[in-house]
Amino acid sequence: MVTITEQDRTPLTIGEGIAFITHYPDSLRKNNCFSLVGSRCGDRRVPALWISKGAPKLGWCWAGNPHTWLGSASCAGRAG
């Protein structure tokens, strides 16, 4: 979150992440997946989208666990 906010960006939500991969399905690949920090509910769980057994998965990871394949999706702005 620190890096995202320092770059004047905001994290994506679950809905935005699903919409993004619907329009850009090739952006979600094995070893290139992303968390959706904008939908955290106040505990250590962070929603994420990843590939498992060749299919996209929506679930969560623990905040602070190092995953080299998992980034945090963000955007510079939203269109109304």
Protein backbone atom coordinates (compact mmCIF):
# COMPACT_ATOMS: atom_id res chain seq x y z
CA MET A 1 0.00 0.00 0.00
CA VAL A 2 2.83 2.41 0.74
CA THR A 3 4.22 2.13 -2.80
CA ILE A 4 0.75 2.42 -4.35
CA THR A 5 -0.14 5.58 -2.43
CA GLU A 6 3.32 7.12 -2.96
CA GLN A 7 2.66 6.83 -6.70
CA ASP A 8 -0.76 8.58 -6.37
CA ARG A 9 -2.56 5.36 -7.26
CA THR A 10 -5.39 3.46 -5.56
CA PRO A 11 -5.74 -0.32 -5.14
CA LEU A 12 -8.23 -2.28 -7.20
CA THR A 13 -11.26 -3.96 -5.63
CA ILE A 14 -12.47 -7.50 -6.32
CA GLY A 15 -15.04 -6.22 -8.82
CA GLU A 16 -12.47 -4.10 -10.63
CA GLY A 17 -9.99 -6.99 -10.74
CA ILE A 18 -12.57 -9.35 -12.23
CA ALA A 19 -13.61 -6.69 -14.75
CA PHE A 20 -9.95 -6.16 -15.69
CA ILE A 21 -9.24 -9.84 -16.38
CA THR A 22 -12.55 -10.11 -18.26
CA HIS A 23 -11.28 -7.45 -20.68
CA TYR A 24 -7.59 -8.47 -20.55
CA PRO A 25 -7.54 -12.22 -19.80
CA ASP A 26 -3.90 -12.62 -20.85
CA SER A 27 -2.85 -10.33 -17.99
CA LEU A 28 -3.49 -13.15 -15.50
CA ARG A 29 -0.87 -15.85 -16.03
CA LYS A 30 0.82 -18.50 -13.96
CA ASN A 31 3.50 -16.80 -11.83
CA ASN A 32 2.05 -13.35 -12.68
CA CYS A 33 -0.98 -12.81 -10.47
CA PHE A 34 -2.29 -9.99 -8.28
CA SER A 35 -3.92 -9.11 -5.00
CA LEU A 36 -6.92 -6.79 -4.73
CA VAL A 37 -6.02 -4.67 -1.72
CA GLY A 38 -9.00 -2.34 -2.28
CA SER A 39 -11.36 -5.04 -0.95
CA ARG A 40 -9.73 -5.81 2.39
CA CYS A 41 -12.15 -6.27 5.25
CA GLY A 42 -9.96 -5.19 8.16
CA ASP A 43 -8.12 -8.40 9.01
CA ARG A 44 -4.92 -9.90 7.58
CA ARG A 45 -6.64 -11.50 4.58
CA VAL A 46 -6.10 -9.92 1.19
CA PRO A 47 -8.27 -11.00 -1.78
CA ALA A 48 -6.28 -12.18 -4.80
CA LEU A 49 -6.65 -13.58 -8.31
CA TRP A 50 -4.24 -16.28 -9.46
CA ILE A 51 -3.92 -19.29 -11.75
CA SER A 52 -4.11 -22.78 -10.25
CA LYS A 53 -4.26 -25.99 -12.27
CA GLY A 54 -4.65 -23.90 -15.43
CA ALA A 55 -7.74 -22.00 -14.25
CA PRO A 56 -8.26 -18.57 -12.65
CA LYS A 57 -8.97 -18.60 -8.91
CA LEU A 58 -10.35 -15.92 -6.60
CA GLY A 59 -9.33 -16.34 -2.99
CA TRP A 60 -7.14 -14.67 -0.40
CA CYS A 61 -3.61 -14.62 0.94
CA TRP A 62 -2.29 -13.43 4.29
CA ALA A 63 -0.97 -9.86 4.29
CA GLY A 64 2.79 -9.80 4.68
CA ASN A 65 3.42 -13.31 3.35
CA PRO A 66 6.08 -13.05 0.65
CA HIS A 67 4.89 -14.30 -2.73
CA THR A 68 7.26 -13.47 -5.59
CA TRP A 69 4.48 -14.18 -8.12
CA LEU A 70 1.84 -11.97 -6.49
CA GLY A 71 1.68 -8.20 -7.02
CA SER A 72 -0.95 -5.66 -5.99
CA ALA A 73 -3.25 -4.30 -8.70
CA SER A 74 -3.77 -0.54 -8.73
CA CYS A 75 -4.98 2.27 -10.96
CA ALA A 76 -4.17 5.94 -11.50
CA GLY A 77 -7.83 6.93 -11.77
CA ARG A 78 -11.36 5.79 -12.41
CA ALA A 79 -13.75 6.82 -15.16
CA GLY A 80 -17.25 7.65 -14.02
